């Protein structure tokens, strides 16, 4: 009975694919991380057992709010702590292989102290702090060409930082733009994504597409509720949030399709584009099930904690 109630009240908050693209890690509100084999789940001989975790462990005392894969490690973030798990060791536990490589990386962390912390992954030392937000930080992304960090917070601001100098470049208060503002939902920014000179952001304000050279919104998407994750994919923008569907939007502001999902509300969307064999979209939210899309226009099956 306890297990059934636990599954009933489970929410999936975070996902990340392994460096080889053959495995999916997912974190839930109980502090657990489950690792699924995409190779097994996508096999022509897949059974119901293939859709269950090959490894399940408790990583944090509270929810696993974020997961991120480097070329060597799976990083997980809980309440006030970040843990690193070797992909090689995780995969070794289930006696399968996954090639990993090492490259020098920095880790960019934002959280409840309103600041952004930058860590040297090789030494494990935090080398700088970016200060400017006046409330806690919900989301981060990196604009590689300009080497800029973008951050979105509870204060309603999207801040852009030069990662070479650690100095602020721009601050966009999205809630002050009438076409984006939705006072009934608040001003907080819950999702950010960039593609070249373009930025997606949303949360309390409507999901909107911004041109970063002009620092102005070009499209506002008529999606109900708050959006929690949005990504660029080819000529589409895909978004999840309140409601049981993945929204496919065109850059001009039109909602092209809404794809039904199992959870009644969605927290996380991930694309695995590392190789064609395991090319999938996975979506998680207020359910113990994670929907898997091999064709991004309909659900193929669900993985389950």
Protein backbone atom coordinates (compact mmCIF):
# COMPACT_ATOMS: atom_id res chain seq x y z
CA UNK A 1 0.00 0.00 0.00
CA UNK A 2 2.85 2.41 0.86
CA UNK A 3 4.50 1.80 -2.51
CA UNK A 4 1.21 2.43 -4.32
CA UNK A 5 0.65 5.72 -2.44
CA UNK A 6 4.23 6.77 -3.13
CA UNK A 7 3.75 6.19 -6.85
CA UNK A 8 0.41 8.01 -6.75
CA UNK A 9 2.03 11.16 -5.33
CA UNK A 10 5.27 11.00 -7.31
CA UNK A 11 6.44 13.82 -9.57
CA UNK A 12 9.39 13.76 -11.95
CA UNK A 13 11.31 17.03 -11.76
CA UNK A 14 14.44 16.43 -13.83
CA UNK A 15 16.03 14.34 -16.59
CA UNK A 16 19.38 13.91 -18.31
CA UNK A 17 20.73 11.55 -20.95
CA UNK A 18 24.04 9.73 -20.56
CA UNK A 19 27.01 10.93 -22.65
CA UNK A 20 26.59 7.98 -25.03
CA UNK A 21 22.83 8.60 -25.37
CA UNK A 22 21.89 5.04 -24.41
CA UNK A 23 20.59 5.79 -20.91
CA UNK A 24 18.16 8.24 -19.30
CA UNK A 25 18.44 9.40 -15.69
CA UNK A 26 15.35 10.89 -14.03
CA UNK A 27 14.93 12.50 -10.60
CA UNK A 28 11.75 12.68 -8.53
CA UNK A 29 10.27 14.48 -5.53
CA UNK A 30 11.41 11.73 -3.12
CA UNK A 31 15.10 12.32 -3.84
CA UNK A 32 15.44 9.22 -6.01
CA UNK A 33 17.30 8.90 -9.31
CA UNK A 34 16.25 6.15 -11.71
CA UNK A 35 18.41 5.10 -14.66
CA UNK A 36 16.61 3.61 -17.68
CA UNK A 37 18.11 1.73 -20.62
CA UNK A 38 16.88 3.32 -23.84
CA UNK A 39 18.51 0.50 -25.79
CA UNK A 40 16.30 -2.04 -24.00
CA UNK A 41 13.13 0.10 -24.08
CA UNK A 42 13.48 0.81 -27.81
CA UNK A 43 14.38 -2.76 -28.77
CA UNK A 44 11.93 -4.69 -31.01
CA UNK A 45 11.95 -7.34 -28.25
CA UNK A 46 11.12 -4.83 -25.49
CA UNK A 47 8.83 -6.04 -22.72
CA UNK A 48 7.14 -4.26 -19.82
CA UNK A 49 10.26 -4.96 -17.76
CA UNK A 50 12.30 -3.00 -20.32
CA UNK A 51 10.40 0.13 -19.30
CA UNK A 52 11.47 -0.12 -15.65
CA UNK A 53 14.72 1.30 -14.19
CA UNK A 54 17.89 -0.76 -14.44
CA UNK A 55 19.16 1.19 -11.41
CA UNK A 56 17.35 3.18 -8.72
CA UNK A 57 19.01 4.95 -5.77
CA UNK A 58 18.35 7.73 -3.27
CA UNK A 59 20.48 10.78 -4.08
CA UNK A 60 19.05 13.52 -1.82
CA UNK A 61 16.83 13.90 1.25
CA UNK A 62 14.45 16.13 -0.73
CA UNK A 63 13.50 16.49 -4.40
CA UNK A 64 16.02 16.14 -7.21
CA UNK A 65 15.42 19.53 -8.76
CA UNK A 66 18.00 19.30 -11.54
CA UNK A 67 20.09 16.72 -13.40
CA UNK A 68 22.95 17.46 -15.79
CA UNK A 69 25.35 15.14 -17.61
CA UNK A 70 28.95 15.98 -18.41
CA UNK A 71 31.16 13.69 -20.46
CA UNK A 72 32.04 11.77 -17.30
CA UNK A 73 29.52 12.49 -14.55
CA UNK A 74 25.85 12.81 -13.72
CA UNK A 75 25.30 15.88 -11.54
CA UNK A 76 22.24 16.14 -9.31
CA UNK A 77 20.96 19.13 -7.36
CA UNK A 78 18.81 18.91 -4.22
CA UNK A 79 18.07 21.31 -1.37
CA UNK A 80 21.33 23.19 -0.88
CA UNK A 81 23.61 20.48 -2.25
CA UNK A 82 25.04 19.19 -5.52
CA UNK A 83 26.23 15.60 -5.94
CA UNK A 84 28.32 14.05 -8.71
CA UNK A 85 27.91 10.43 -9.82
CA UNK A 86 30.38 8.77 -12.17
CA UNK A 87 28.58 7.50 -15.27
CA UNK A 88 31.22 4.78 -15.61
CA UNK A 89 30.48 3.55 -12.06
CA UNK A 90 26.70 3.77 -12.50
CA UNK A 91 26.81 1.79 -15.73
CA UNK A 92 29.27 -0.72 -14.25
CA UNK A 93 26.66 -1.60 -11.60
CA UNK A 94 24.34 -2.96 -14.28
CA UNK A 95 27.12 -4.61 -16.35
CA UNK A 96 26.66 -2.69 -19.57
CA UNK A 97 29.01 -0.31 -21.35
CA UNK A 98 28.90 3.36 -22.23
CA UNK A 99 31.91 5.25 -23.57
CA UNK A 100 32.83 8.47 -21.76
CA UNK A 101 35.44 11.14 -22.40
CA UNK A 102 36.96 13.83 -20.23
CA UNK A 103 37.06 17.51 -21.05
CA UNK A 104 37.67 20.45 -18.74
CA UNK A 105 34.39 22.07 -17.72
CA UNK A 106 32.98 24.75 -15.53
CA UNK A 107 29.73 24.31 -13.62
CA UNK A 108 27.30 27.24 -13.39
CA UNK A 109 24.97 27.04 -10.38
CA UNK A 110 22.05 29.27 -9.40
CA UNK A 111 19.84 28.88 -6.37
CA UNK A 112 18.19 30.23 -3.26
CA UNK A 113 20.86 32.76 -2.27
CA UNK A 114 19.98 34.87 -5.38
CA UNK A 115 23.52 34.45 -6.75
CA UNK A 116 25.20 32.52 -9.57
CA UNK A 117 28.25 30.47 -8.56
CA UNK A 118 30.87 29.27 -11.05
CA UNK A 119 32.85 26.13 -10.20
CA UNK A 120 35.98 24.70 -11.81
CA UNK A 121 34.97 21.05 -12.27
CA UNK A 122 38.57 19.86 -12.30
CA UNK A 123 39.43 21.32 -8.89
CA UNK A 124 35.95 21.45 -7.36
CA UNK A 125 36.56 25.06 -6.33
CA UNK A 126 34.00 27.84 -6.78
CA UNK A 127 36.01 30.56 -8.49
CA UNK A 128 33.50 33.40 -8.85
CA UNK A 129 30.05 34.69 -7.84
CA UNK A 130 27.71 36.74 -10.01
CA UNK A 131 25.44 39.05 -8.00
CA UNK A 132 22.45 40.98 -9.31
CA UNK A 133 19.22 39.03 -8.84
CA UNK A 134 17.10 40.11 -5.88
CA UNK A 135 15.31 36.77 -5.43
CA UNK A 136 16.14 33.13 -5.99
CA UNK A 137 17.17 31.81 -9.41
CA UNK A 138 15.00 29.30 -11.28
CA UNK A 139 16.85 28.68 -14.54
CA UNK A 140 20.13 29.13 -16.38
CA UNK A 141 21.41 28.67 -19.92
CA UNK A 142 24.63 29.37 -21.80
CA UNK A 143 25.03 31.23 -25.08
CA UNK A 144 28.17 29.64 -26.47
CA UNK A 145 29.06 31.95 -29.35
CA UNK A 146 29.18 35.06 -27.14
CA UNK A 147 30.17 33.08 -24.02
CA UNK A 148 27.26 34.61 -22.15
CA UNK A 149 25.30 33.22 -19.19
CA UNK A 150 21.55 33.86 -19.04
CA UNK A 151 19.69 33.58 -15.73
CA UNK A 152 16.00 33.83 -14.84
CA UNK A 153 14.68 34.40 -11.35
CA UNK A 154 11.76 34.86 -9.00
CA UNK A 155 12.39 38.61 -9.30
CA UNK A 156 11.07 38.51 -12.89
CA UNK A 157 14.39 39.43 -14.47
CA UNK A 158 16.41 37.72 -17.17
CA UNK A 159 20.01 38.75 -16.63
CA UNK A 160 22.76 38.31 -19.22
CA UNK A 161 26.37 38.01 -18.03
CA UNK A 162 29.71 37.96 -19.83
CA UNK A 163 31.33 34.73 -18.59
CA UNK A 164 34.82 36.01 -19.49
CA UNK A 165 34.61 39.06 -17.22
CA UNK A 166 31.78 37.89 -14.89
CA UNK A 167 30.11 41.24 -15.40
CA UNK A 168 26.43 41.93 -16.24
CA UNK A 169 25.65 42.82 -19.85
CA UNK A 170 21.86 43.28 -19.91
CA UNK A 171 18.82 42.95 -17.65
CA UNK A 172 15.37 42.30 -19.14
CA UNK A 173 12.40 42.66 -16.77
CA UNK A 174 9.95 40.61 -18.82
CA UNK A 175 6.90 41.36 -16.65
CA UNK A 176 7.17 45.07 -17.54
CA UNK A 177 6.35 44.35 -21.20
CA UNK A 178 2.58 44.60 -21.57
CA UNK A 179 2.35 41.91 -24.25
CA UNK A 180 4.11 39.40 -21.97
CA UNK A 181 2.79 40.35 -18.52
CA UNK A 182 0.28 38.17 -16.67
CA UNK A 183 -0.02 39.66 -13.17
CA UNK A 184 -2.40 36.88 -12.11
CA UNK A 185 0.47 34.37 -12.40
CA UNK A 186 3.25 36.57 -11.03
CA UNK A 187 6.50 37.81 -12.56
CA UNK A 188 8.86 34.86 -11.98
CA UNK A 189 10.87 33.34 -14.84
CA UNK A 190 10.88 29.52 -14.82
CA UNK A 191 12.36 28.60 -18.22
CA UNK A 192 15.07 29.92 -20.54
CA UNK A 193 16.56 28.71 -23.84
CA UNK A 194 18.74 30.31 -26.50
CA UNK A 195 19.47 29.68 -30.16
CA UNK A 196 21.90 32.03 -31.89
CA UNK A 197 20.42 35.54 -31.50
CA UNK A 198 17.12 34.28 -30.06
CA UNK A 199 15.86 33.64 -26.54
CA UNK A 200 12.82 31.88 -25.12
CA UNK A 201 11.58 32.76 -21.66
CA UNK A 202 8.41 32.24 -19.67
CA UNK A 203 6.88 31.46 -16.30
CA UNK A 204 4.49 33.95 -14.75
CA UNK A 205 4.74 36.02 -17.95
CA UNK A 206 3.66 34.32 -21.18
CA UNK A 207 6.21 32.23 -23.03
CA UNK A 208 7.81 34.62 -25.49
CA UNK A 209 10.48 34.70 -28.18
CA UNK A 210 13.02 37.53 -27.98
CA UNK A 211 15.55 38.90 -30.45
CA UNK A 212 18.66 39.43 -28.34
CA UNK A 213 20.25 42.06 -30.56
CA UNK A 214 17.25 44.37 -30.29
CA UNK A 215 16.31 43.16 -26.77
CA UNK A 216 12.64 43.01 -27.70
CA UNK A 217 9.94 40.33 -27.86
CA UNK A 218 8.99 39.27 -31.39
CA UNK A 219 6.36 36.61 -30.56
CA UNK A 220 4.18 35.81 -27.56
CA UNK A 221 2.66 32.33 -27.44
CA UNK A 222 -1.01 31.99 -26.37
CA UNK A 223 -0.42 29.08 -23.96
CA UNK A 224 -2.51 28.78 -20.78
CA UNK A 225 -0.82 28.42 -17.41
CA UNK A 226 2.88 28.71 -16.60
CA UNK A 227 5.46 27.06 -18.85
CA UNK A 228 8.26 25.23 -17.02
CA UNK A 229 10.57 24.17 -19.85
CA UNK A 230 10.94 25.21 -23.49
CA UNK A 231 13.43 24.20 -26.19
CA UNK A 232 14.28 25.08 -29.77
CA UNK A 233 14.06 22.15 -32.19
CA UNK A 234 14.58 22.73 -35.92
CA UNK A 235 11.81 25.14 -36.99
CA UNK A 236 9.73 24.46 -33.87
CA UNK A 237 9.59 25.58 -30.27
CA UNK A 238 8.47 22.84 -27.88
CA UNK A 239 7.18 23.69 -24.43
CA UNK A 240 5.73 22.00 -21.34
CA UNK A 241 4.08 23.33 -18.19
CA UNK A 242 0.64 23.32 -16.64
CA UNK A 243 -1.55 20.93 -18.61
CA UNK A 244 -1.15 17.39 -19.98
CA UNK A 245 0.48 18.15 -23.32
CA UNK A 246 3.63 19.16 -25.18
CA UNK A 247 3.02 22.33 -27.18
CA UNK A 248 4.56 22.65 -30.65
CA UNK A 249 4.82 26.33 -31.58
CA UNK A 250 6.02 28.19 -34.65
CA UNK A 251 8.44 31.08 -34.28
CA UNK A 252 5.76 33.49 -35.48
CA UNK A 253 3.67 32.83 -32.35
CA UNK A 254 1.22 30.18 -33.62
CA UNK A 255 0.57 27.04 -31.57
CA UNK A 256 0.81 24.34 -34.24
CA UNK A 257 -0.13 21.30 -32.11
CA UNK A 258 -0.60 20.10 -28.55
CA UNK A 259 0.51 16.49 -28.04
CA UNK A 260 -1.28 14.56 -25.24
CA UNK A 261 0.84 13.19 -22.38
CA UNK A 262 0.25 10.91 -19.37
CA UNK A 263 0.96 13.38 -16.49
CA UNK A 264 -1.70 16.00 -15.83
CA UNK A 265 1.00 18.67 -15.43
CA UNK A 266 4.53 18.67 -16.87
CA UNK A 267 7.85 19.74 -15.34
CA UNK A 268 10.56 18.56 -17.70
CA UNK A 269 11.21 17.93 -21.39
CA UNK A 270 14.43 16.44 -22.77
CA UNK A 271 15.65 15.72 -26.31
CA UNK A 272 18.17 12.96 -26.98
CA UNK A 273 19.75 13.85 -30.31
CA UNK A 274 23.13 12.18 -29.71
CA UNK A 275 22.50 9.39 -32.24
CA UNK A 276 19.69 8.28 -34.53
CA UNK A 277 19.33 4.89 -32.85
CA UNK A 278 18.20 6.44 -29.56
CA UNK A 279 16.66 9.68 -30.86
CA UNK A 280 13.75 10.39 -28.50
CA UNK A 281 11.93 13.11 -26.62
CA UNK A 282 11.05 12.34 -23.00
CA UNK A 283 8.57 14.21 -20.83
CA UNK A 284 7.93 13.98 -17.08
CA UNK A 285 5.69 15.65 -14.54
CA UNK A 286 3.03 14.84 -11.94
CA UNK A 287 3.23 11.08 -12.43
CA UNK A 288 5.60 8.16 -11.84
CA UNK A 289 5.57 7.66 -15.62
CA UNK A 290 7.88 9.33 -18.15
CA UNK A 291 6.46 9.52 -21.67
CA UNK A 292 8.77 8.61 -24.55
CA UNK A 293 8.27 10.00 -28.06
CA UNK A 294 10.17 8.40 -30.95
CA UNK A 295 8.18 10.49 -33.42
CA UNK A 296 7.82 13.84 -31.67
CA UNK A 297 4.17 14.05 -32.72
CA UNK A 298 2.80 11.24 -30.53
CA UNK A 299 3.70 9.19 -27.45
CA UNK A 300 5.23 5.77 -28.20
CA UNK A 301 5.28 4.36 -24.63
CA UNK A 302 6.00 5.30 -21.02
CA UNK A 303 8.88 4.46 -18.71
CA UNK A 304 7.91 3.94 -15.08
CA UNK A 305 9.68 4.36 -11.71
